[in-house]
């Protein structure tokens, strides 16, 4: 996971499910304006942060983890390999999707990990047990209504560095990095307690 290479898209219909061809889901249409408004730039999360986010999420075998803005897929791979979870990534950057899909094949994870190019603000998240995000605060605010609408009770949402405005976290974990006192990881559980 990383600071997502995601973009606010209008008019992209994306449905995520296992068994779909990688890259594009039903309703995906090429839109020349898809790169005009970023939700967050791509910045790879350090592996220790990936590990801590998944640990905090308390993932159980065969749960489904969605990484919104999955970038190079590092959260997906770790969720599948270490926790034996199913993992679904949504990513807008076509090159990242292609690279990540090739890595899925290289690691032999085709039955556990899927990555789809599309708009995270329109993705079907109803099958998620855990959702991970590394977006800006204002992007989390845009995403919040979708999470509230789509996620079932008990689903955990883990956000790196940026809170979800209006939600009270179940837990806040501070990384022990020396720069700027470390970073925060927020854990929420659906339905979220409102602030």
N, C-alpha and C. Protein backbone atom coordinates (compact mmCIF):
# COMPACT_ATOMS: atom_id res chain seq x y z
N UNK A 1 0.84 -1.17 0.00
CA UNK A 1 0.00 0.00 0.00
C UNK A 1 0.88 1.22 0.00
N UNK A 2 0.30 2.27 -0.42
CA UNK A 2 1.05 3.50 -0.50
C UNK A 2 0.11 4.65 -0.60
N UNK A 3 0.64 5.81 -0.64
CA UNK A 3 -0.16 6.99 -0.86
C UNK A 3 -0.67 6.84 -2.27
N UNK A 4 -1.89 6.47 -2.43
CA UNK A 4 -2.47 5.97 -3.65
C UNK A 4 -2.26 6.82 -4.87
N UNK A 5 -2.05 6.16 -5.99
CA UNK A 5 -2.09 6.83 -7.27
C UNK A 5 -3.51 6.81 -7.76
N UNK A 6 -4.43 7.40 -7.00
CA UNK A 6 -5.84 7.33 -7.31
C UNK A 6 -6.33 8.68 -7.78
N UNK A 7 -7.38 8.63 -8.51
CA UNK A 7 -7.89 9.86 -9.08
C UNK A 7 -9.40 9.88 -8.97
N UNK A 8 -9.94 11.07 -8.74
CA UNK A 8 -11.38 11.21 -8.71
C UNK A 8 -11.89 11.08 -10.13
N UNK A 9 -12.71 10.08 -10.35
CA UNK A 9 -13.21 9.80 -11.69
C UNK A 9 -14.70 9.97 -11.73
N UNK A 10 -15.17 10.48 -12.79
CA UNK A 10 -16.59 10.59 -13.00
C UNK A 10 -16.96 9.65 -14.13
N UNK A 11 -17.93 8.78 -13.89
CA UNK A 11 -18.46 7.94 -14.96
C UNK A 11 -17.76 6.61 -15.13
N UNK A 12 -16.91 6.18 -14.21
CA UNK A 12 -16.32 4.85 -14.33
C UNK A 12 -17.12 3.90 -13.46
N UNK A 13 -17.70 2.88 -14.03
CA UNK A 13 -18.42 1.89 -13.24
C UNK A 13 -17.51 0.72 -12.98
N UNK A 14 -17.25 0.40 -11.72
CA UNK A 14 -16.33 -0.69 -11.40
C UNK A 14 -16.98 -1.65 -10.43
N UNK A 15 -16.94 -2.91 -10.73
CA UNK A 15 -17.39 -3.94 -9.81
C UNK A 15 -16.23 -4.89 -9.64
N UNK A 16 -15.90 -5.20 -8.40
CA UNK A 16 -14.77 -6.06 -8.14
C UNK A 16 -15.27 -7.41 -7.67
N UNK A 17 -14.77 -8.46 -8.27
CA UNK A 17 -15.11 -9.81 -7.82
C UNK A 17 -14.02 -10.75 -8.28
N UNK A 18 -13.82 -11.82 -7.54
CA UNK A 18 -12.86 -12.83 -7.95
C UNK A 18 -13.39 -13.49 -9.20
N UNK A 19 -12.49 -13.86 -10.09
CA UNK A 19 -12.89 -14.52 -11.31
C UNK A 19 -13.01 -13.57 -12.49
N UNK A 20 -12.94 -12.27 -12.27
CA UNK A 20 -12.98 -11.33 -13.38
C UNK A 20 -11.61 -11.25 -14.02
N UNK A 21 -11.61 -10.90 -15.28
CA UNK A 21 -10.34 -10.68 -15.95
C UNK A 21 -9.63 -9.52 -15.28
N UNK A 22 -8.32 -9.64 -15.05
CA UNK A 22 -7.62 -8.55 -14.41
C UNK A 22 -7.60 -7.31 -15.28
N UNK A 23 -7.51 -6.16 -14.62
CA UNK A 23 -7.36 -4.92 -15.35
C UNK A 23 -8.61 -4.09 -15.39
N UNK A 24 -9.70 -4.64 -15.92
CA UNK A 24 -10.91 -3.85 -16.04
C UNK A 24 -12.11 -4.71 -15.67
N UNK A 25 -13.06 -4.08 -15.01
CA UNK A 25 -14.29 -4.78 -14.66
C UNK A 25 -15.41 -4.37 -15.59
N UNK A 26 -16.60 -4.95 -15.38
CA UNK A 26 -17.74 -4.58 -16.20
C UNK A 26 -18.00 -3.08 -16.11
N UNK A 27 -18.31 -2.50 -17.22
CA UNK A 27 -18.65 -1.09 -17.23
C UNK A 27 -17.46 -0.15 -17.29
N UNK A 28 -16.23 -0.69 -17.29
CA UNK A 28 -15.08 0.20 -17.34
C UNK A 28 -14.96 0.77 -18.75
N UNK A 29 -14.89 2.08 -18.85
CA UNK A 29 -14.74 2.76 -20.14
C UNK A 29 -13.53 3.65 -20.08
N UNK A 30 -12.79 3.68 -21.16
CA UNK A 30 -11.63 4.56 -21.21
C UNK A 30 -12.12 6.00 -21.21
N UNK A 31 -11.60 6.77 -20.30
CA UNK A 31 -12.01 8.16 -20.13
C UNK A 31 -10.76 9.03 -20.20
N UNK A 32 -10.65 9.90 -21.17
CA UNK A 32 -9.43 10.70 -21.32
C UNK A 32 -9.20 11.66 -20.16
N UNK A 33 -10.22 11.90 -19.34
CA UNK A 33 -10.09 12.85 -18.24
C UNK A 33 -9.78 12.18 -16.91
N UNK A 34 -9.47 10.89 -16.90
CA UNK A 34 -9.34 10.19 -15.63
C UNK A 34 -8.15 10.64 -14.79
N UNK A 35 -7.18 11.27 -15.40
CA UNK A 35 -6.00 11.66 -14.64
C UNK A 35 -6.02 13.14 -14.24
N UNK A 36 -7.16 13.77 -14.30
CA UNK A 36 -7.19 15.22 -14.11
C UNK A 36 -7.27 15.64 -12.65
N UNK A 37 -7.78 14.81 -11.75
CA UNK A 37 -7.92 15.22 -10.37
C UNK A 37 -7.50 14.08 -9.44
N UNK A 38 -6.35 14.20 -8.84
CA UNK A 38 -5.82 13.14 -7.99
C UNK A 38 -6.49 13.14 -6.61
N UNK A 39 -6.72 11.94 -6.08
CA UNK A 39 -7.13 11.81 -4.69
C UNK A 39 -5.90 11.79 -3.79
N UNK A 40 -4.81 11.24 -4.30
CA UNK A 40 -3.55 11.21 -3.57
C UNK A 40 -2.44 10.78 -4.52
N UNK A 41 -1.22 11.24 -4.29
CA UNK A 41 -0.10 10.81 -5.14
C UNK A 41 0.36 9.41 -4.73
N UNK A 42 1.10 8.76 -5.61
CA UNK A 42 1.65 7.44 -5.29
C UNK A 42 2.91 7.60 -4.43
N UNK A 43 2.87 7.04 -3.24
CA UNK A 43 4.03 6.95 -2.37
C UNK A 43 3.97 5.58 -1.72
N UNK A 44 4.96 4.75 -1.95
CA UNK A 44 4.95 3.38 -1.40
C UNK A 44 5.06 3.40 0.12
N UNK A 45 4.23 2.60 0.76
CA UNK A 45 4.30 2.47 2.22
C UNK A 45 5.46 1.57 2.59
N UNK A 46 6.21 1.90 3.64
CA UNK A 46 7.28 1.02 4.10
C UNK A 46 6.70 -0.32 4.54
N UNK A 47 7.47 -1.39 4.35
CA UNK A 47 6.98 -2.73 4.68
C UNK A 47 6.57 -2.84 6.15
N UNK A 48 7.28 -2.17 7.05
CA UNK A 48 6.92 -2.24 8.47
C UNK A 48 5.55 -1.64 8.73
N UNK A 49 5.16 -0.63 7.93
CA UNK A 49 3.84 -0.02 8.06
C UNK A 49 2.78 -0.98 7.52
N UNK A 50 3.06 -1.59 6.39
CA UNK A 50 2.16 -2.59 5.82
C UNK A 50 1.90 -3.68 6.86
N UNK A 51 2.97 -4.20 7.45
CA UNK A 51 2.84 -5.27 8.45
C UNK A 51 1.98 -4.82 9.63
N UNK A 52 2.21 -3.60 10.10
CA UNK A 52 1.48 -3.11 11.27
C UNK A 52 0.00 -2.87 10.94
N UNK A 53 -0.28 -2.33 9.77
CA UNK A 53 -1.67 -2.11 9.37
C UNK A 53 -2.45 -3.42 9.35
N UNK A 54 -1.84 -4.45 8.78
CA UNK A 54 -2.52 -5.74 8.70
C UNK A 54 -2.64 -6.39 10.08
N UNK A 55 -1.64 -6.21 10.91
CA UNK A 55 -1.69 -6.75 12.27
C UNK A 55 -2.84 -6.09 13.05
N UNK A 56 -2.94 -4.78 12.96
CA UNK A 56 -4.00 -4.04 13.65
C UNK A 56 -5.38 -4.47 13.16
N UNK A 57 -5.49 -4.81 11.88
CA UNK A 57 -6.77 -5.22 11.30
C UNK A 57 -7.22 -6.60 11.81
N UNK A 58 -6.31 -7.37 12.40
CA UNK A 58 -6.62 -8.70 12.94
C UNK A 58 -7.30 -9.58 11.89
N UNK A 59 -6.62 -9.73 10.76
CA UNK A 59 -7.18 -10.49 9.63
C UNK A 59 -7.20 -11.98 9.95
N UNK A 60 -8.32 -12.60 9.60
CA UNK A 60 -8.47 -14.05 9.76
C UNK A 60 -8.36 -14.73 8.41
N UNK A 61 -7.96 -16.00 8.37
CA UNK A 61 -7.87 -16.71 7.09
C UNK A 61 -9.19 -16.65 6.31
N UNK A 62 -9.07 -16.46 5.01
CA UNK A 62 -10.19 -16.41 4.07
C UNK A 62 -11.07 -15.17 4.19
N UNK A 63 -10.70 -14.21 5.04
CA UNK A 63 -11.39 -12.93 4.98
C UNK A 63 -10.95 -12.22 3.70
N UNK A 64 -11.73 -11.23 3.29
CA UNK A 64 -11.42 -10.48 2.08
C UNK A 64 -10.95 -9.08 2.46
N UNK A 65 -9.74 -8.76 2.01
CA UNK A 65 -9.11 -7.47 2.28
C UNK A 65 -9.14 -6.65 0.99
N UNK A 66 -9.70 -5.46 1.07
CA UNK A 66 -9.68 -4.52 -0.05
C UNK A 66 -8.63 -3.45 0.25
N UNK A 67 -7.75 -3.18 -0.72
CA UNK A 67 -6.80 -2.08 -0.61
C UNK A 67 -7.19 -1.05 -1.66
N UNK A 68 -7.67 0.09 -1.20
CA UNK A 68 -8.15 1.12 -2.10
C UNK A 68 -7.00 2.05 -2.47
N UNK A 69 -6.56 1.94 -3.71
CA UNK A 69 -5.34 2.61 -4.16
C UNK A 69 -4.18 1.70 -3.87
N UNK A 70 -4.22 0.50 -4.44
CA UNK A 70 -3.28 -0.56 -4.03
C UNK A 70 -1.87 -0.38 -4.57
N UNK A 71 -1.65 0.53 -5.50
CA UNK A 71 -0.30 0.79 -5.98
C UNK A 71 0.41 -0.45 -6.46
N UNK A 72 1.53 -0.80 -5.81
CA UNK A 72 2.33 -1.95 -6.24
C UNK A 72 1.88 -3.25 -5.60
N UNK A 73 0.79 -3.22 -4.85
CA UNK A 73 0.19 -4.45 -4.34
C UNK A 73 0.78 -5.02 -3.06
N UNK A 74 1.66 -4.29 -2.40
CA UNK A 74 2.36 -4.87 -1.25
C UNK A 74 1.42 -5.28 -0.12
N UNK A 75 0.36 -4.53 0.12
CA UNK A 75 -0.60 -4.94 1.15
C UNK A 75 -1.33 -6.21 0.72
N UNK A 76 -1.72 -6.28 -0.55
CA UNK A 76 -2.42 -7.45 -1.07
C UNK A 76 -1.58 -8.70 -0.93
N UNK A 77 -0.31 -8.61 -1.31
CA UNK A 77 0.57 -9.78 -1.26
C UNK A 77 0.76 -10.26 0.18
N UNK A 78 0.97 -9.32 1.08
CA UNK A 78 1.18 -9.68 2.49
C UNK A 78 -0.09 -10.29 3.10
N UNK A 79 -1.25 -9.71 2.77
CA UNK A 79 -2.51 -10.24 3.29
C UNK A 79 -2.73 -11.68 2.82
N UNK A 80 -2.41 -11.95 1.56
CA UNK A 80 -2.60 -13.29 1.01
C UNK A 80 -1.56 -14.28 1.55
N UNK A 81 -0.30 -13.87 1.58
CA UNK A 81 0.77 -14.79 1.96
C UNK A 81 0.83 -15.05 3.47
N UNK A 82 0.73 -14.01 4.26
CA UNK A 82 0.89 -14.16 5.71
C UNK A 82 -0.41 -14.54 6.41
N UNK A 83 -1.53 -13.96 5.95
CA UNK A 83 -2.80 -14.15 6.66
C UNK A 83 -3.75 -15.10 5.93
N UNK A 84 -3.36 -15.57 4.75
CA UNK A 84 -4.19 -16.48 3.95
C UNK A 84 -5.56 -15.87 3.65
N UNK A 85 -5.55 -14.56 3.42
CA UNK A 85 -6.77 -13.83 3.08
C UNK A 85 -6.91 -13.77 1.56
N UNK A 86 -8.12 -13.46 1.12
CA UNK A 86 -8.33 -13.06 -0.26
C UNK A 86 -8.06 -11.57 -0.29
N UNK A 87 -7.50 -11.07 -1.37
CA UNK A 87 -7.14 -9.65 -1.42
C UNK A 87 -7.55 -9.06 -2.75
N UNK A 88 -8.18 -7.89 -2.68
CA UNK A 88 -8.67 -7.19 -3.87
C UNK A 88 -8.11 -5.78 -3.85
N UNK A 89 -7.48 -5.38 -4.92
CA UNK A 89 -6.95 -4.03 -5.03
C UNK A 89 -7.68 -3.24 -6.08
N UNK A 90 -7.91 -1.97 -5.79
CA UNK A 90 -8.47 -1.02 -6.76
C UNK A 90 -7.39 0.02 -7.01
N UNK A 91 -7.06 0.24 -8.27
CA UNK A 91 -5.98 1.17 -8.63
C UNK A 91 -6.35 1.83 -9.95
N UNK A 92 -6.12 3.13 -10.06
CA UNK A 92 -6.44 3.86 -11.28
C UNK A 92 -5.29 3.87 -12.29
N UNK A 93 -4.07 3.79 -11.80
CA UNK A 93 -2.90 3.90 -12.68
C UNK A 93 -2.71 2.60 -13.47
N UNK A 94 -2.86 2.68 -14.77
CA UNK A 94 -2.82 1.50 -15.63
C UNK A 94 -1.48 0.77 -15.55
N UNK A 95 -0.38 1.52 -15.50
CA UNK A 95 0.94 0.88 -15.42
C UNK A 95 1.11 0.13 -14.11
N UNK A 96 0.65 0.72 -13.01
CA UNK A 96 0.73 0.02 -11.72
C UNK A 96 -0.13 -1.24 -11.73
N UNK A 97 -1.30 -1.16 -12.34
CA UNK A 97 -2.17 -2.34 -12.44
C UNK A 97 -1.47 -3.45 -13.21
N UNK A 98 -0.86 -3.12 -14.34
CA UNK A 98 -0.17 -4.11 -15.15
C UNK A 98 1.00 -4.74 -14.39
N UNK A 99 1.80 -3.89 -13.74
CA UNK A 99 2.95 -4.38 -12.98
C UNK A 99 2.51 -5.28 -11.83
N UNK A 100 1.48 -4.85 -11.12
CA UNK A 100 1.00 -5.62 -9.97
C UNK A 100 0.39 -6.94 -10.42
N UNK A 101 -0.36 -6.93 -11.51
CA UNK A 101 -0.92 -8.18 -12.02
C UNK A 101 0.18 -9.16 -12.45
N UNK A 102 1.28 -8.64 -13.00
CA UNK A 102 2.39 -9.52 -13.36
C UNK A 102 3.03 -10.11 -12.11
N UNK A 103 3.13 -9.32 -11.05
CA UNK A 103 3.70 -9.80 -9.79
C UNK A 103 2.81 -10.87 -9.16
N UNK A 104 1.49 -10.72 -9.31
CA UNK A 104 0.56 -11.74 -8.81
C UNK A 104 0.87 -13.08 -9.46
N UNK A 105 1.09 -13.07 -10.77
CA UNK A 105 1.43 -14.29 -11.50
C UNK A 105 2.78 -14.82 -11.04
N UNK A 106 3.77 -13.94 -10.92
CA UNK A 106 5.11 -14.36 -10.49
C UNK A 106 5.09 -15.03 -9.13
N UNK A 107 4.21 -14.55 -8.24
CA UNK A 107 4.12 -15.10 -6.88
C UNK A 107 3.14 -16.28 -6.78
N UNK A 108 2.45 -16.58 -7.87
CA UNK A 108 1.49 -17.68 -7.87
C UNK A 108 0.27 -17.40 -7.01
N UNK A 109 -0.16 -16.14 -6.96
CA UNK A 109 -1.27 -15.75 -6.09
C UNK A 109 -2.57 -15.48 -6.86
N UNK A 110 -2.69 -16.01 -8.07
CA UNK A 110 -3.86 -15.71 -8.90
C UNK A 110 -5.18 -16.11 -8.24
N UNK A 111 -5.18 -17.12 -7.40
CA UNK A 111 -6.41 -17.57 -6.75
C UNK A 111 -6.75 -16.77 -5.49
N UNK A 112 -5.82 -15.91 -5.05
CA UNK A 112 -6.06 -15.18 -3.80
C UNK A 112 -6.04 -13.67 -3.96
N UNK A 113 -5.41 -13.16 -5.03
CA UNK A 113 -5.24 -11.72 -5.19
C UNK A 113 -5.75 -11.28 -6.56
N UNK A 114 -6.55 -10.23 -6.57
CA UNK A 114 -7.05 -9.62 -7.80
C UNK A 114 -6.82 -8.12 -7.72
N UNK A 115 -6.43 -7.53 -8.84
CA UNK A 115 -6.28 -6.07 -8.93
C UNK A 115 -7.08 -5.60 -10.12
N UNK A 116 -7.81 -4.53 -9.90
CA UNK A 116 -8.66 -4.00 -10.95
C UNK A 116 -8.39 -2.51 -11.13
N UNK A 117 -8.33 -2.12 -12.39
CA UNK A 117 -8.19 -0.70 -12.68
C UNK A 117 -9.57 -0.08 -12.59
N UNK A 118 -9.70 0.97 -11.80
CA UNK A 118 -11.00 1.60 -11.67
C UNK A 118 -11.02 2.66 -10.59
N UNK A 119 -12.22 3.17 -10.37
CA UNK A 119 -12.47 4.28 -9.47
C UNK A 119 -12.86 3.75 -8.10
N UNK A 120 -12.07 3.99 -7.10
CA UNK A 120 -12.37 3.49 -5.76
C UNK A 120 -13.65 4.08 -5.21
N UNK A 121 -14.06 5.24 -5.71
CA UNK A 121 -15.29 5.87 -5.23
C UNK A 121 -16.54 5.19 -5.79
N UNK A 122 -16.36 4.25 -6.72
CA UNK A 122 -17.48 3.53 -7.29
C UNK A 122 -17.35 2.02 -7.15
N UNK A 123 -16.29 1.56 -6.51
CA UNK A 123 -16.06 0.12 -6.38
C UNK A 123 -17.08 -0.52 -5.45
N UNK A 124 -17.45 -1.75 -5.76
CA UNK A 124 -18.35 -2.53 -4.91
C UNK A 124 -17.52 -3.11 -3.76
N UNK A 125 -17.73 -2.61 -2.56
CA UNK A 125 -16.97 -3.01 -1.39
C UNK A 125 -17.76 -3.93 -0.46
N UNK A 126 -18.91 -4.39 -0.91
CA UNK A 126 -19.83 -5.12 -0.04
C UNK A 126 -19.26 -6.43 0.48
N UNK A 127 -18.28 -7.01 -0.19
CA UNK A 127 -17.69 -8.28 0.25
C UNK A 127 -16.50 -8.08 1.19
N UNK A 128 -16.13 -6.85 1.48
CA UNK A 128 -14.94 -6.58 2.29
C UNK A 128 -15.14 -6.96 3.75
N UNK A 129 -14.10 -7.55 4.32
CA UNK A 129 -14.01 -7.75 5.77
C UNK A 129 -13.06 -6.71 6.37
N UNK A 130 -12.09 -6.30 5.54
CA UNK A 130 -11.10 -5.29 5.93
C UNK A 130 -10.88 -4.38 4.72
N UNK A 131 -10.78 -3.07 4.98
CA UNK A 131 -10.45 -2.11 3.93
C UNK A 131 -9.25 -1.32 4.42
N UNK A 132 -8.21 -1.22 3.58
CA UNK A 132 -7.04 -0.42 3.92
C UNK A 132 -6.96 0.77 2.97
N UNK A 133 -6.56 1.92 3.54
CA UNK A 133 -6.45 3.14 2.74
C UNK A 133 -5.23 3.95 3.19
N UNK A 134 -4.65 4.62 2.23
CA UNK A 134 -3.58 5.59 2.48
C UNK A 134 -3.84 6.76 1.56
N UNK A 135 -4.79 7.58 1.96
CA UNK A 135 -5.25 8.71 1.17
C UNK A 135 -5.12 9.98 1.99
N UNK A 136 -5.41 11.10 1.38
CA UNK A 136 -5.44 12.37 2.09
C UNK A 136 -6.73 12.48 2.91
N UNK A 137 -6.74 13.35 3.91
CA UNK A 137 -7.93 13.52 4.74
C UNK A 137 -9.15 13.87 3.91
N UNK A 138 -9.01 14.80 2.97
CA UNK A 138 -10.16 15.20 2.15
C UNK A 138 -10.61 14.06 1.25
N UNK A 139 -9.69 13.19 0.84
CA UNK A 139 -10.06 12.02 0.05
C UNK A 139 -10.82 11.02 0.91
N UNK A 140 -10.38 10.85 2.16
CA UNK A 140 -11.11 9.98 3.09
C UNK A 140 -12.53 10.49 3.30
N UNK A 141 -12.67 11.81 3.33
CA UNK A 141 -14.00 12.39 3.51
C UNK A 141 -14.89 12.11 2.30
N UNK A 142 -14.32 12.17 1.10
CA UNK A 142 -15.06 11.82 -0.11
C UNK A 142 -15.47 10.34 -0.10
N UNK A 143 -14.60 9.50 0.40
CA UNK A 143 -14.83 8.06 0.42
C UNK A 143 -15.79 7.62 1.52
N UNK A 144 -15.85 8.37 2.60
CA UNK A 144 -16.63 7.98 3.78
C UNK A 144 -18.07 7.56 3.48
N UNK A 145 -18.86 8.33 2.69
CA UNK A 145 -20.24 7.90 2.43
C UNK A 145 -20.31 6.53 1.74
N UNK A 146 -19.35 6.26 0.88
CA UNK A 146 -19.32 4.96 0.19
C UNK A 146 -19.06 3.84 1.18
N UNK A 147 -18.12 4.06 2.08
CA UNK A 147 -17.82 3.05 3.10
C UNK A 147 -19.03 2.82 3.99
N UNK A 148 -19.68 3.89 4.41
CA UNK A 148 -20.85 3.76 5.28
C UNK A 148 -21.99 3.02 4.58
N UNK A 149 -22.13 3.23 3.30
CA UNK A 149 -23.21 2.60 2.53
C UNK A 149 -22.91 1.13 2.23
N UNK A 150 -21.66 0.81 1.90
CA UNK A 150 -21.33 -0.50 1.35
C UNK A 150 -20.85 -1.53 2.38
N UNK A 151 -20.21 -1.08 3.45
CA UNK A 151 -19.55 -2.04 4.35
C UNK A 151 -20.53 -2.60 5.37
N UNK A 152 -20.41 -3.92 5.59
CA UNK A 152 -21.28 -4.59 6.55
C UNK A 152 -20.77 -4.37 7.97
N UNK A 153 -21.64 -4.54 8.98
CA UNK A 153 -21.20 -4.40 10.37
C UNK A 153 -20.03 -5.33 10.68
N UNK A 154 -19.06 -4.81 11.42
CA UNK A 154 -17.87 -5.58 11.79
C UNK A 154 -16.70 -5.42 10.86
N UNK A 155 -16.92 -4.85 9.67
CA UNK A 155 -15.82 -4.61 8.74
C UNK A 155 -14.85 -3.61 9.36
N UNK A 156 -13.56 -3.91 9.28
CA UNK A 156 -12.53 -3.00 9.80
C UNK A 156 -11.97 -2.13 8.68
N UNK A 157 -11.78 -0.86 9.00
CA UNK A 157 -11.16 0.08 8.07
C UNK A 157 -9.89 0.57 8.73
N UNK A 158 -8.76 0.41 8.03
CA UNK A 158 -7.46 0.83 8.56
C UNK A 158 -6.90 1.92 7.66
N UNK A 159 -6.63 3.07 8.25
CA UNK A 159 -6.12 4.21 7.49
C UNK A 159 -4.76 4.62 8.02
N UNK A 160 -3.82 4.75 7.11
CA UNK A 160 -2.46 5.16 7.47
C UNK A 160 -2.34 6.67 7.36
N UNK A 161 -1.91 7.29 8.43
CA UNK A 161 -1.56 8.72 8.51
C UNK A 161 -2.73 9.69 8.54
N UNK A 162 -3.86 9.36 7.93
CA UNK A 162 -4.95 10.33 7.81
C UNK A 162 -6.25 9.74 8.35
N UNK A 163 -6.87 10.48 9.28
CA UNK A 163 -8.13 10.06 9.88
C UNK A 163 -9.26 10.16 8.87
N UNK A 164 -10.35 9.45 9.16
CA UNK A 164 -11.58 9.60 8.40
C UNK A 164 -12.42 10.63 9.15
N UNK A 165 -12.59 11.82 8.58
CA UNK A 165 -13.33 12.88 9.27
C UNK A 165 -14.74 12.44 9.66
N UNK A 166 -15.11 12.74 10.91
CA UNK A 166 -16.44 12.40 11.39
C UNK A 166 -16.55 11.06 12.07
N UNK A 167 -15.50 10.22 11.96
CA UNK A 167 -15.50 8.91 12.60
C UNK A 167 -14.58 8.93 13.81
N UNK A 168 -14.97 8.22 14.85
CA UNK A 168 -14.13 8.06 16.03
C UNK A 168 -13.41 6.71 15.91
N UNK A 169 -12.08 6.71 15.91
CA UNK A 169 -11.36 5.44 15.76
C UNK A 169 -11.53 4.53 16.98
N UNK A 170 -11.54 3.25 16.70
CA UNK A 170 -11.55 2.25 17.77
C UNK A 170 -10.18 2.19 18.41
N UNK A 171 -9.16 2.45 17.60
CA UNK A 171 -7.78 2.42 18.08
C UNK A 171 -6.94 3.34 17.22
N UNK A 172 -5.95 3.99 17.85
CA UNK A 172 -4.94 4.77 17.12
C UNK A 172 -3.59 4.22 17.53
N UNK A 173 -2.80 3.82 16.55
CA UNK A 173 -1.48 3.26 16.81
C UNK A 173 -0.44 4.22 16.26
N UNK A 174 0.57 4.52 17.05
CA UNK A 174 1.65 5.40 16.60
C UNK A 174 2.87 4.55 16.28
N UNK A 175 3.39 4.71 15.08
CA UNK A 175 4.61 3.99 14.72
C UNK A 175 5.77 4.58 15.51
N UNK A 176 6.81 3.81 15.70
CA UNK A 176 7.94 4.26 16.53
C UNK A 176 9.08 4.83 15.70
N UNK A 177 8.74 5.47 14.60
CA UNK A 177 9.77 6.10 13.78
C UNK A 177 10.21 7.40 14.45
N UNK A 178 11.45 7.74 14.30
CA UNK A 178 11.99 8.92 14.98
C UNK A 178 11.58 10.24 14.33
N UNK A 179 11.36 10.24 13.03
CA UNK A 179 11.06 11.50 12.35
C UNK A 179 9.64 11.98 12.69
N UNK A 180 9.53 13.19 13.15
CA UNK A 180 8.25 13.82 13.47
C UNK A 180 7.41 13.01 14.45
N UNK A 181 8.06 12.24 15.32
CA UNK A 181 7.32 11.49 16.32
C UNK A 181 6.59 10.29 15.78
N UNK A 182 6.87 9.85 14.57
CA UNK A 182 6.22 8.69 14.00
C UNK A 182 4.96 9.04 13.23
N UNK A 183 4.27 8.01 12.80
CA UNK A 183 3.04 8.16 12.01
C UNK A 183 1.91 7.47 12.74
N UNK A 184 0.68 7.83 12.36
CA UNK A 184 -0.49 7.25 13.01
C UNK A 184 -1.18 6.25 12.08
N UNK A 185 -1.70 5.19 12.68
CA UNK A 185 -2.53 4.23 11.97
C UNK A 185 -3.86 4.19 12.72
N UNK A 186 -4.94 4.44 11.99
CA UNK A 186 -6.28 4.51 12.58
C UNK A 186 -7.04 3.23 12.27
N UNK A 187 -7.67 2.65 13.28
CA UNK A 187 -8.53 1.49 13.09
C UNK A 187 -9.97 1.89 13.40
N UNK A 188 -10.85 1.63 12.46
CA UNK A 188 -12.28 1.87 12.63
C UNK A 188 -13.02 0.55 12.45
N UNK A 189 -14.18 0.44 13.05
CA UNK A 189 -15.02 -0.73 12.84
C UNK A 189 -16.43 -0.27 12.47
N UNK A 190 -17.01 -0.94 11.49
CA UNK A 190 -18.33 -0.57 11.01
C UNK A 190 -19.41 -1.18 11.88
N UNK A 191 -20.52 -0.45 12.13
CA UNK A 191 -20.71 0.95 11.76
C UNK A 191 -19.84 1.84 12.65
N UNK A 192 -19.25 2.88 12.09
CA UNK A 192 -18.33 3.70 12.87
C UNK A 192 -19.05 4.54 13.91
N UNK A 193 -18.39 4.71 15.04
CA UNK A 193 -18.91 5.65 16.04
C UNK A 193 -18.64 7.04 15.52
N UNK A 194 -19.64 7.89 15.55
CA UNK A 194 -19.50 9.26 15.03
C UNK A 194 -18.91 10.17 16.09
N UNK A 195 -18.12 11.12 15.64
CA UNK A 195 -17.52 12.08 16.57
C UNK A 195 -18.51 13.19 16.89
